[in-house]
Amino acid sequence: MNKLQTIWFEEDRAKYKGEELKEQMEATEKAVRANTVVTSRLRNIIEKDIEATYSVEEDFEDPAWQRKTIAAAAERKVLRRYLKLLP
């Protein structure tokens, strides 16, 4: 099981300190990991979106091909960032 990124615990760190923080972070991690159906489906949706960006690069005849290719690469980068956030 991979470790959750610290961004998941920002709200906990803002509200709690010490032992209370530790307990809250454990509860947050359990809640995030318990939602496996949504996480799995979201991961699949994002992966399909990443694959779809490659089709833009196949239309070489488009006068804006270079601009669209750069935009598609940027979109893939953002989508991969979202994948990293998922537990």
PDB file of N, CA and C in Angstrom:
ATOM      1  N   MET A   1       0.856  -1.167   0.000  1.00  0.00           N
ATOM      2  CA  MET A   1       0.000   0.000   0.000  1.00  0.00           C
ATOM      3  C   MET A   1       0.909   1.238   0.000  1.00  0.00           C
ATOM      4  N   ASN A   2       0.633   2.136  -0.958  1.00  0.00           N
ATOM      5  CA  ASN A   2       1.469   3.330  -1.017  1.00  0.00           C
ATOM      6  C   ASN A   2       1.065   4.352   0.046  1.00  0.00           C
ATOM      7  N   LYS A   3       2.017   5.181   0.394  1.00  0.00           N
ATOM      8  CA  LYS A   3       1.806   6.194   1.429  1.00  0.00           C
ATOM      9  C   LYS A   3       1.042   7.374   0.829  1.00  0.00           C
ATOM     10  N   LEU A   4       0.074   7.875   1.565  1.00  0.00           N
ATOM     11  CA  LEU A   4      -0.681   9.035   1.098  1.00  0.00           C
ATOM     12  C   LEU A   4       0.203  10.271   1.088  1.00  0.00           C
ATOM     13  N   GLN A   5       0.003  11.118   0.095  1.00  0.00           N
ATOM     14  CA  GLN A   5       0.746  12.365   0.055  1.00  0.00           C
ATOM     15  C   GLN A   5       0.282  13.275   1.188  1.00  0.00           C
ATOM     16  N   THR A   6       1.177  14.126   1.626  1.00  0.00           N
ATOM     17  CA  THR A   6       0.893  14.993   2.769  1.00  0.00           C
ATOM     18  C   THR A   6      -0.255  15.967   2.516  1.00  0.00           C
ATOM     19  N   ILE A   7      -0.563  16.228   1.263  1.00  0.00           N
ATOM     20  CA  ILE A   7      -1.641  17.168   0.949  1.00  0.00           C
ATOM     21  C   ILE A   7      -2.991  16.695   1.509  1.00  0.00           C
ATOM     22  N   TRP A   8      -3.142  15.385   1.686  1.00  0.00           N
ATOM     23  CA  TRP A   8      -4.384  14.850   2.236  1.00  0.00           C
ATOM     24  C   TRP A   8      -4.589  15.263   3.697  1.00  0.00           C
ATOM     25  N   PHE A   9      -3.538  15.687   4.369  1.00  0.00           N
ATOM     26  CA  PHE A   9      -3.615  15.963   5.806  1.00  0.00           C
ATOM     27  C   PHE A   9      -3.513  17.452   6.157  1.00  0.00           C
ATOM     28  N   GLU A  10      -3.556  18.329   5.164  1.00  0.00           N
ATOM     29  CA  GLU A  10      -3.427  19.771   5.430  1.00  0.00           C
ATOM     30  C   GLU A  10      -4.468  20.279   6.418  1.00  0.00           C
ATOM     31  N   GLU A  11      -5.717  19.905   6.219  1.00  0.00           N
ATOM     32  CA  GLU A  11      -6.780  20.368   7.115  1.00  0.00           C
ATOM     33  C   GLU A  11      -6.585  19.830   8.526  1.00  0.00           C
ATOM     34  N   ASP A  12      -6.126  18.600   8.641  1.00  0.00           N
ATOM     35  CA  ASP A  12      -5.871  18.012   9.961  1.00  0.00           C
ATOM     36  C   ASP A  12      -4.786  18.807  10.694  1.00  0.00           C
ATOM     37  N   ARG A  13      -3.710  19.126   9.980  1.00  0.00           N
ATOM     38  CA  ARG A  13      -2.607  19.867  10.608  1.00  0.00           C
ATOM     39  C   ARG A  13      -3.031  21.278  11.014  1.00  0.00           C
ATOM     40  N   ALA A  14      -3.979  21.857  10.299  1.00  0.00           N
ATOM     41  CA  ALA A  14      -4.450  23.197  10.628  1.00  0.00           C
ATOM     42  C   ALA A  14      -5.320  23.206  11.889  1.00  0.00           C
ATOM     43  N   LYS A  15      -6.006  22.102  12.165  1.00  0.00           N
ATOM     44  CA  LYS A  15      -6.965  22.060  13.279  1.00  0.00           C
ATOM     45  C   LYS A  15      -6.439  21.374  14.540  1.00  0.00           C
ATOM     46  N   TYR A  16      -5.517  20.431  14.383  1.00  0.00           N
ATOM     47  CA  TYR A  16      -5.114  19.595  15.504  1.00  0.00           C
ATOM     48  C   TYR A  16      -3.621  19.681  15.771  1.00  0.00           C
ATOM     49  N   LYS A  17      -3.244  19.320  16.987  1.00  0.00           N
ATOM     50  CA  LYS A  17      -1.833  19.284  17.397  1.00  0.00           C
ATOM     51  C   LYS A  17      -1.580  18.032  18.222  1.00  0.00           C
ATOM     52  N   GLY A  18      -0.335  17.619  18.268  1.00  0.00           N
ATOM     53  CA  GLY A  18       0.099  16.522  19.136  1.00  0.00           C
ATOM     54  C   GLY A  18      -0.584  15.199  18.870  1.00  0.00           C
ATOM     55  N   GLU A  19      -0.975  14.544  19.945  1.00  0.00           N
ATOM     56  CA  GLU A  19      -1.595  13.222  19.864  1.00  0.00           C
ATOM     57  C   GLU A  19      -2.934  13.280  19.114  1.00  0.00           C
ATOM     58  N   GLU A  20      -3.647  14.367  19.314  1.00  0.00           N
ATOM     59  CA  GLU A  20      -4.927  14.543  18.630  1.00  0.00           C
ATOM     60  C   GLU A  20      -4.719  14.587  17.106  1.00  0.00           C
ATOM     61  N   LEU A  21      -3.637  15.229  16.676  1.00  0.00           N
ATOM     62  CA  LEU A  21      -3.302  15.290  15.254  1.00  0.00           C
ATOM     63  C   LEU A  21      -3.018  13.892  14.710  1.00  0.00           C
ATOM     64  N   LYS A  22      -2.241  13.133  15.439  1.00  0.00           N
ATOM     65  CA  LYS A  22      -1.896  11.771  15.014  1.00  0.00           C
ATOM     66  C   LYS A  22      -3.160  10.927  14.847  1.00  0.00           C
ATOM     67  N   GLU A  23      -4.061  11.015  15.821  1.00  0.00           N
ATOM     68  CA  GLU A  23      -5.311  10.259  15.756  1.00  0.00           C
ATOM     69  C   GLU A  23      -6.158  10.692  14.572  1.00  0.00           C
ATOM     70  N   GLN A  24      -6.227  11.994  14.350  1.00  0.00           N
ATOM     71  CA  GLN A  24      -7.033  12.511  13.245  1.00  0.00           C
ATOM     72  C   GLN A  24      -6.435  12.113  11.899  1.00  0.00           C
ATOM     73  N   MET A  25      -5.118  12.141  11.783  1.00  0.00           N
ATOM     74  CA  MET A  25      -4.469  11.748  10.530  1.00  0.00           C
ATOM     75  C   MET A  25      -4.722  10.263  10.233  1.00  0.00           C
ATOM     76  N   GLU A  26      -4.707   9.430  11.263  1.00  0.00           N
ATOM     77  CA  GLU A  26      -5.013   8.008  11.083  1.00  0.00           C
ATOM     78  C   GLU A  26      -6.455   7.828  10.615  1.00  0.00           C
ATOM     79  N   ALA A  27      -7.372   8.593  11.210  1.00  0.00           N
ATOM     80  CA  ALA A  27      -8.779   8.518  10.813  1.00  0.00           C
ATOM     81  C   ALA A  27      -8.961   9.001   9.375  1.00  0.00           C
ATOM     82  N   THR A  28      -8.259  10.056   9.007  1.00  0.00           N
ATOM     83  CA  THR A  28      -8.334  10.569   7.638  1.00  0.00           C
ATOM     84  C   THR A  28      -7.832   9.534   6.651  1.00  0.00           C
ATOM     85  N   GLU A  29      -6.700   8.917   6.970  1.00  0.00           N
ATOM     86  CA  GLU A  29      -6.143   7.911   6.063  1.00  0.00           C
ATOM     87  C   GLU A  29      -7.097   6.733   5.902  1.00  0.00           C
ATOM     88  N   LYS A  30      -7.698   6.278   6.991  1.00  0.00           N
ATOM     89  CA  LYS A  30      -8.654   5.177   6.914  1.00  0.00           C
ATOM     90  C   LYS A  30      -9.845   5.559   6.037  1.00  0.00           C
ATOM     91  N   ALA A  31     -10.348   6.772   6.194  1.00  0.00           N
ATOM     92  CA  ALA A  31     -11.501   7.232   5.413  1.00  0.00           C
ATOM     93  C   ALA A  31     -11.164   7.323   3.928  1.00  0.00           C
ATOM     94  N   VAL A  32      -9.997   7.856   3.618  1.00  0.00           N
ATOM     95  CA  VAL A  32      -9.589   7.989   2.219  1.00  0.00           C
ATOM     96  C   VAL A  32      -9.414   6.615   1.591  1.00  0.00           C
ATOM     97  N   ARG A  33      -8.759   5.731   2.279  1.00  0.00           N
ATOM     98  CA  ARG A  33      -8.509   4.385   1.737  1.00  0.00           C
ATOM     99  C   ARG A  33      -9.783   3.533   1.671  1.00  0.00           C
ATOM    100  N   ALA A  34     -10.751   3.810   2.518  1.00  0.00           N
ATOM    101  CA  ALA A  34     -11.986   3.033   2.537  1.00  0.00           C
ATOM    102  C   ALA A  34     -12.833   3.278   1.290  1.00  0.00           C
ATOM    103  N   ASN A  35     -12.615   4.379   0.643  1.00  0.00           N
ATOM    104  CA  ASN A  35     -13.421   4.728  -0.518  1.00  0.00           C
ATOM    105  C   ASN A  35     -12.788   4.170  -1.796  1.00  0.00           C
ATOM    106  N   THR A  36     -12.594   2.865  -1.834  1.00  0.00           N
ATOM    107  CA  THR A  36     -11.871   2.235  -2.942  1.00  0.00           C
ATOM    108  C   THR A  36     -12.630   2.259  -4.262  1.00  0.00           C
ATOM    109  N   VAL A  37     -13.941   2.172  -4.227  1.00  0.00           N
ATOM    110  CA  VAL A  37     -14.715   2.156  -5.469  1.00  0.00           C
ATOM    111  C   VAL A  37     -14.549   3.482  -6.212  1.00  0.00           C
ATOM    112  N   VAL A  38     -14.734   4.570  -5.514  1.00  0.00           N
ATOM    113  CA  VAL A  38     -14.602   5.881  -6.147  1.00  0.00           C
ATOM    114  C   VAL A  38     -13.171   6.096  -6.622  1.00  0.00           C
ATOM    115  N   THR A  39     -12.207   5.727  -5.802  1.00  0.00           N
ATOM    116  CA  THR A  39     -10.805   5.892  -6.167  1.00  0.00           C
ATOM    117  C   THR A  39     -10.470   5.091  -7.416  1.00  0.00           C
ATOM    118  N   SER A  40     -10.912   3.868  -7.458  1.00  0.00           N
ATOM    119  CA  SER A  40     -10.632   3.006  -8.606  1.00  0.00           C
ATOM    120  C   SER A  40     -11.257   3.563  -9.880  1.00  0.00           C
ATOM    121  N   ARG A  41     -12.491   3.988  -9.780  1.00  0.00           N
ATOM    122  CA  ARG A  41     -13.168   4.530 -10.964  1.00  0.00           C
ATOM    123  C   ARG A  41     -12.550   5.848 -11.410  1.00  0.00           C
ATOM    124  N   LEU A  42     -12.199   6.682 -10.459  1.00  0.00           N
ATOM    125  CA  LEU A  42     -11.555   7.944 -10.800  1.00  0.00           C
ATOM    126  C   LEU A  42     -10.208   7.695 -11.474  1.00  0.00           C
ATOM    127  N   ARG A  43      -9.456   6.740 -10.967  1.00  0.00           N
ATOM    128  CA  ARG A  43      -8.173   6.380 -11.579  1.00  0.00           C
ATOM    129  C   ARG A  43      -8.385   5.932 -13.032  1.00  0.00           C
ATOM    130  N   ASN A  44      -9.401   5.096 -13.265  1.00  0.00           N
ATOM    131  CA  ASN A  44      -9.694   4.629 -14.623  1.00  0.00           C
ATOM    132  C   ASN A  44     -10.098   5.771 -15.548  1.00  0.00           C
ATOM    133  N   ILE A  45     -10.903   6.687 -15.042  1.00  0.00           N
ATOM    134  CA  ILE A  45     -11.332   7.840 -15.843  1.00  0.00           C
ATOM    135  C   ILE A  45     -10.130   8.699 -16.232  1.00  0.00           C
ATOM    136  N   ILE A  46      -9.269   8.969 -15.277  1.00  0.00           N
ATOM    137  CA  ILE A  46      -8.091   9.796 -15.552  1.00  0.00           C
ATOM    138  C   ILE A  46      -7.163   9.103 -16.545  1.00  0.00           C
ATOM    139  N   GLU A  47      -6.964   7.797 -16.392  1.00  0.00           N
ATOM    140  CA  GLU A  47      -6.101   7.069 -17.324  1.00  0.00           C
ATOM    141  C   GLU A  47      -6.667   7.097 -18.743  1.00  0.00           C
ATOM    142  N   LYS A  48      -7.990   6.998 -18.892  1.00  0.00           N
ATOM    143  CA  LYS A  48      -8.614   7.103 -20.216  1.00  0.00           C
ATOM    144  C   LYS A  48      -8.434   8.505 -20.789  1.00  0.00           C
ATOM    145  N   ASP A  49      -8.548   9.515 -19.931  1.00  0.00           N
ATOM    146  CA  ASP A  49      -8.336  10.895 -20.388  1.00  0.00           C
ATOM    147  C   ASP A  49      -6.905  11.098 -20.873  1.00  0.00           C
ATOM    148  N   ILE A  50      -5.950  10.492 -20.184  1.00  0.00           N
ATOM    149  CA  ILE A  50      -4.551  10.580 -20.604  1.00  0.00           C
ATOM    150  C   ILE A  50      -4.388   9.942 -21.983  1.00  0.00           C
ATOM    151  N   GLU A  51      -4.942   8.769 -22.169  1.00  0.00           N
ATOM    152  CA  GLU A  51      -4.855   8.083 -23.465  1.00  0.00           C
ATOM    153  C   GLU A  51      -5.494   8.922 -24.574  1.00  0.00           C
ATOM    154  N   ALA A  52      -6.597   9.573 -24.268  1.00  0.00           N
ATOM    155  CA  ALA A  52      -7.295  10.378 -25.279  1.00  0.00           C
ATOM    156  C   ALA A  52      -6.444  11.550 -25.767  1.00  0.00           C
ATOM    157  N   THR A  53      -5.566  12.056 -24.930  1.00  0.00           N
ATOM    158  CA  THR A  53      -4.740  13.194 -25.345  1.00  0.00           C
ATOM    159  C   THR A  53      -3.764  12.807 -26.455  1.00  0.00           C
ATOM    160  N   TYR A  54      -3.425  11.534 -26.569  1.00  0.00           N
ATOM    161  CA  TYR A  54      -2.498  11.107 -27.614  1.00  0.00           C
ATOM    162  C   TYR A  54      -3.115  11.188 -29.008  1.00  0.00           C
ATOM    163  N   SER A  55      -4.434  11.083 -29.108  1.00  0.00           N
ATOM    164  CA  SER A  55      -5.083  11.139 -30.420  1.00  0.00           C
ATOM    165  C   SER A  55      -4.929  12.507 -31.073  1.00  0.00           C
ATOM    166  N   VAL A  56      -4.777  13.545 -30.282  1.00  0.00           N
ATOM    167  CA  VAL A  56      -4.579  14.895 -30.809  1.00  0.00           C
ATOM    168  C   VAL A  56      -3.291  14.960 -31.624  1.00  0.00           C
ATOM    169  N   GLU A  57      -2.294  14.220 -31.199  1.00  0.00           N
ATOM    170  CA  GLU A  57      -0.987  14.261 -31.850  1.00  0.00           C
ATOM    171  C   GLU A  57      -0.964  13.542 -33.192  1.00  0.00           C
ATOM    172  N   GLU A  58      -2.005  12.794 -33.516  1.00  0.00           N
ATOM    173  CA  GLU A  58      -2.032  12.029 -34.756  1.00  0.00           C
ATOM    174  C   GLU A  58      -2.517  12.840 -35.958  1.00  0.00           C
ATOM    175  N   ASP A  59      -3.107  13.982 -35.725  1.00  0.00           N
ATOM    176  CA  ASP A  59      -3.662  14.800 -36.815  1.00  0.00           C
ATOM    177  C   ASP A  59      -2.603  15.789 -37.322  1.00  0.00           C
ATOM    178  N   PHE A  60      -1.654  15.272 -38.097  1.00  0.00           N
ATOM    179  CA  PHE A  60      -0.536  16.084 -38.582  1.00  0.00           C
ATOM    180  C   PHE A  60      -0.971  17.168 -39.568  1.00  0.00           C
ATOM    181  N   GLU A  61      -2.100  16.984 -40.217  1.00  0.00           N
ATOM    182  CA  GLU A  61      -2.572  17.931 -41.228  1.00  0.00           C
ATOM    183  C   GLU A  61      -3.161  19.200 -40.618  1.00  0.00           C
ATOM    184  N   ASP A  62      -3.497  19.148 -39.364  1.00  0.00           N
ATOM    185  CA  ASP A  62      -4.087  20.312 -38.685  1.00  0.00           C
ATOM    186  C   ASP A  62      -3.061  21.434 -38.615  1.00  0.00           C
ATOM    187  N   PRO A  63      -3.441  22.642 -39.067  1.00  0.00           N
ATOM    188  CA  PRO A  63      -2.484  23.754 -39.021  1.00  0.00           C
ATOM    189  C   PRO A  63      -2.032  24.118 -37.595  1.00  0.00           C
ATOM    190  N   ALA A  64      -2.829  23.782 -36.616  1.00  0.00           N
ATOM    191  CA  ALA A  64      -2.488  24.096 -35.223  1.00  0.00           C
ATOM    192  C   ALA A  64      -1.934  22.864 -34.518  1.00  0.00           C
ATOM    193  N   TRP A  65      -1.406  21.907 -35.277  1.00  0.00           N
ATOM    194  CA  TRP A  65      -0.940  20.644 -34.720  1.00  0.00           C
ATOM    195  C   TRP A  65       0.086  20.845 -33.606  1.00  0.00           C
ATOM    196  N   GLN A  66       1.062  21.710 -33.848  1.00  0.00           N
ATOM    197  CA  GLN A  66       2.124  21.907 -32.850  1.00  0.00           C
ATOM    198  C   GLN A  66       1.560  22.471 -31.548  1.00  0.00           C
ATOM    199  N   ARG A  67       0.692  23.455 -31.656  1.00  0.00           N
ATOM    200  CA  ARG A  67       0.079  24.058 -30.474  1.00  0.00           C
ATOM    201  C   ARG A  67      -0.773  23.034 -29.727  1.00  0.00           C
ATOM    202  N   LYS A  68      -1.538  22.240 -30.462  1.00  0.00           N
ATOM    203  CA  LYS A  68      -2.392  21.226 -29.841  1.00  0.00           C
ATOM    204  C   LYS A  68      -1.560  20.122 -29.198  1.00  0.00           C
ATOM    205  N   THR A  69      -0.436  19.787 -29.807  1.00  0.00           N
ATOM    206  CA  THR A  69       0.440  18.763 -29.245  1.00  0.00           C
ATOM    207  C   THR A  69       1.046  19.231 -27.927  1.00  0.00           C
ATOM    208  N   ILE A  70       1.454  20.473 -27.890  1.00  0.00           N
ATOM    209  CA  ILE A  70       2.002  21.036 -26.649  1.00  0.00           C
ATOM    210  C   ILE A  70       0.924  21.067 -25.564  1.00  0.00           C
ATOM    211  N   ALA A  71      -0.284  21.478 -25.947  1.00  0.00           N
ATOM    212  CA  ALA A  71      -1.392  21.520 -24.983  1.00  0.00           C
ATOM    213  C   ALA A  71      -1.719  20.116 -24.466  1.00  0.00           C
ATOM    214  N   ALA A  72      -1.688  19.116 -25.359  1.00  0.00           N
ATOM    215  CA  ALA A  72      -1.982  17.745 -24.946  1.00  0.00           C
ATOM    216  C   ALA A  72      -0.929  17.239 -23.962  1.00  0.00           C
ATOM    217  N   ALA A  73       0.333  17.572 -24.215  1.00  0.00           N
ATOM    218  CA  ALA A  73       1.400  17.158 -23.294  1.00  0.00           C
ATOM    219  C   ALA A  73       1.215  17.809 -21.924  1.00  0.00           C
ATOM    220  N   ALA A  74       0.816  19.071 -21.926  1.00  0.00           N
ATOM    221  CA  ALA A  74       0.573  19.771 -20.654  1.00  0.00           C
ATOM    222  C   ALA A  74      -0.611  19.145 -19.913  1.00  0.00           C
ATOM    223  N   GLU A  75      -1.642  18.790 -20.661  1.00  0.00           N
ATOM    224  CA  GLU A  75      -2.806  18.163 -20.039  1.00  0.00           C
ATOM    225  C   GLU A  75      -2.430  16.811 -19.423  1.00  0.00           C
ATOM    226  N   ARG A  76      -1.613  16.029 -20.138  1.00  0.00           N
ATOM    227  CA  ARG A  76      -1.171  14.741 -19.590  1.00  0.00           C
ATOM    228  C   ARG A  76      -0.393  14.945 -18.289  1.00  0.00           C
ATOM    229  N   LYS A  77       0.424  15.971 -18.262  1.00  0.00           N
ATOM    230  CA  LYS A  77       1.210  16.244 -17.057  1.00  0.00           C
ATOM    231  C   LYS A  77       0.295  16.518 -15.865  1.00  0.00           C
ATOM    232  N   VAL A  78      -0.735  17.312 -16.076  1.00  0.00           N
ATOM    233  CA  VAL A  78      -1.682  17.633 -15.005  1.00  0.00           C
ATOM    234  C   VAL A  78      -2.450  16.381 -14.581  1.00  0.00           C
ATOM    235  N   LEU A  79      -2.900  15.595 -15.541  1.00  0.00           N
ATOM    236  CA  LEU A  79      -3.644  14.379 -15.214  1.00  0.00           C
ATOM    237  C   LEU A  79      -2.780  13.387 -14.438  1.00  0.00           C
ATOM    238  N   ARG A  80      -1.514  13.291 -14.797  1.00  0.00           N
ATOM    239  CA  ARG A  80      -0.612  12.392 -14.057  1.00  0.00           C
ATOM    240  C   ARG A  80      -0.411  12.891 -12.626  1.00  0.00           C
ATOM    241  N   ARG A  81      -0.406  14.197 -12.462  1.00  0.00           N
ATOM    242  CA  ARG A  81      -0.308  14.777 -11.109  1.00  0.00           C
ATOM    243  C   ARG A  81      -1.520  14.343 -10.278  1.00  0.00           C
ATOM    244  N   TYR A  82      -2.695  14.379 -10.896  1.00  0.00           N
ATOM    245  CA  TYR A  82      -3.898  13.935 -10.191  1.00  0.00           C
ATOM    246  C   TYR A  82      -3.812  12.459  -9.823  1.00  0.00           C
ATOM    247  N   LEU A  83      -3.275  11.640 -10.709  1.00  0.00           N
ATOM    248  CA  LEU A  83      -3.109  10.219 -10.397  1.00  0.00           C
ATOM    249  C   LEU A  83      -2.207  10.009  -9.186  1.00  0.00           C
ATOM    250  N   LYS A  84      -1.171  10.825  -9.077  1.00  0.00           N
ATOM    251  CA  LYS A  84      -0.267  10.699  -7.938  1.00  0.00           C
ATOM    252  C   LYS A  84      -0.958  11.029  -6.620  1.00  0.00           C
ATOM    253  N   LEU A  85      -1.965  11.875  -6.673  1.00  0.00           N
ATOM    254  CA  LEU A  85      -2.691  12.252  -5.452  1.00  0.00           C
ATOM    255  C   LEU A  85      -3.591  11.139  -4.942  1.00  0.00           C
ATOM    256  N   LEU A  86      -3.999  10.258  -5.834  1.00  0.00           N
ATOM    257  CA  LEU A  86      -4.909   9.193  -5.419  1.00  0.00           C
ATOM    258  C   LEU A  86      -4.200   8.171  -4.538  1.00  0.00           C
ATOM    259  N   PRO A  87      -4.913   7.642  -3.569  1.00  0.00           N
ATOM    260  CA  PRO A  87      -4.301   6.639  -2.684  1.00  0.00           C
ATOM    261  C   PRO A  87      -4.093   5.324  -3.412  1.00  0.00           C
TER     262      PRO A  87
END
